[in-house]
Amino acid sequence: EARHGMEYTIRFAFKRDGTVIAPPRMTYSSHDAPSAVRDVYRDAVDAALKRCTPLHFSGGMAGAVAGRPIAIRFVDERTIDRQQNPQ
């Protein structure tokens, strides 16, 4: 369920071994998006993070990022063809 202009921000932190300390926390989503749409984006963001982790840090990098909060902002700028995806 793509929504042009949808914004979704998560916050999380890594352990030294490159795994995520706890499930990412949503800190912002477009206020006008229905909760069902927000849930779809949350599931997609969670799945993407799971596919990308654990990260493989060097010793120095692991010490630098471990436990520090990281925020990632996702903005859906796709154009949606209404003829192929009628609503």
Protein backbone atom coordinates (compact mmCIF):
# COMPACT_ATOMS: atom_id res chain seq x y z
CA GLU A 1 0.00 0.00 0.00
CA ALA A 2 2.27 2.75 -1.28
CA ARG A 3 1.50 6.29 -0.19
CA HIS A 4 3.35 9.05 -2.01
CA GLY A 5 5.06 11.39 0.43
CA MET A 6 4.72 9.03 3.40
CA GLU A 7 7.38 9.74 6.03
CA TYR A 8 8.47 7.23 8.64
CA THR A 9 11.37 7.64 11.07
CA ILE A 10 12.86 4.97 13.30
CA ARG A 11 15.42 5.10 16.08
CA PHE A 12 17.62 2.22 17.20
CA ALA A 13 21.14 1.34 18.34
CA PHE A 14 23.68 -1.37 17.60
CA LYS A 15 25.66 -3.64 19.88
CA ARG A 16 29.40 -4.08 19.26
CA ASP A 17 28.67 -7.30 17.32
CA GLY A 18 26.53 -5.40 14.78
CA THR A 19 23.15 -6.63 15.99
CA VAL A 20 20.37 -4.26 16.95
CA ILE A 21 20.00 -3.77 20.73
CA ALA A 22 16.17 -3.73 20.72
CA PRO A 23 13.40 -3.49 18.14
CA PRO A 24 13.52 -0.12 16.36
CA ARG A 25 11.23 2.54 17.75
CA MET A 26 9.07 4.62 15.45
CA THR A 27 9.62 8.27 16.30
CA TYR A 28 7.60 9.85 13.49
CA SER A 29 5.12 8.92 10.79
CA SER A 30 3.00 11.12 8.55
CA HIS A 31 0.17 12.36 10.71
CA ASP A 32 -2.47 12.00 8.00
CA ALA A 33 -1.72 8.34 7.27
CA PRO A 34 -4.26 5.81 8.54
CA SER A 35 -2.95 3.39 11.17
CA ALA A 36 -3.24 0.46 8.73
CA VAL A 37 -0.90 2.25 6.30
CA ARG A 38 1.55 3.04 9.11
CA ASP A 39 1.54 -0.63 10.06
CA VAL A 40 2.46 -1.63 6.49
CA TYR A 41 5.39 0.80 6.48
CA ARG A 42 6.49 -0.36 9.96
CA ASP A 43 6.53 -3.98 8.78
CA ALA A 44 8.52 -3.05 5.65
CA VAL A 45 11.07 -1.03 7.62
CA ASP A 46 11.45 -3.80 10.22
CA ALA A 47 11.95 -6.40 7.49
CA ALA A 48 14.56 -4.24 5.74
CA LEU A 49 16.52 -3.75 8.95
CA LYS A 50 16.42 -7.48 9.69
CA ARG A 51 17.75 -8.25 6.19
CA CYS A 52 20.65 -5.82 6.65
CA THR A 53 21.80 -6.91 10.10
CA PRO A 54 24.02 -7.88 11.70
CA LEU A 55 26.47 -5.37 10.29
CA HIS A 56 30.15 -6.27 10.32
CA PHE A 57 32.01 -3.53 12.18
CA SER A 58 35.74 -3.14 12.55
CA GLY A 59 36.91 -2.99 16.16
CA GLY A 60 37.17 0.79 16.11
CA MET A 61 33.80 1.28 14.46
CA ALA A 62 32.13 -1.15 16.88
CA GLY A 63 33.42 0.89 19.81
CA ALA A 64 32.32 4.15 18.21
CA VAL A 65 28.72 3.19 17.38
CA ALA A 66 27.78 0.68 20.09
CA GLY A 67 24.88 1.98 22.12
CA ARG A 68 24.60 5.30 20.28
CA PRO A 69 21.12 6.10 18.95
CA ILE A 70 20.74 6.19 15.19
CA ALA A 71 17.70 7.69 13.46
CA ILE A 72 16.77 6.86 9.88
CA ARG A 73 14.09 8.78 8.01
CA PHE A 74 12.28 7.02 5.18
CA VAL A 75 10.37 9.12 2.64
CA ASP A 76 8.28 7.38 -0.01
CA GLU A 77 8.75 9.46 -3.14
CA ARG A 78 7.48 6.81 -5.57
CA THR A 79 4.90 7.87 -8.10
CA ILE A 80 1.85 5.68 -7.98
CA ASP A 81 0.14 4.74 -11.22
CA ARG A 82 -3.56 4.79 -10.28
CA GLN A 83 -4.52 2.74 -13.37
CA GLN A 84 -2.38 -0.18 -12.25
CA ASN A 85 -3.18 0.26 -8.56
CA PRO A 86 -6.82 1.47 -8.32
CA GLN A 87 -8.08 2.35 -4.85
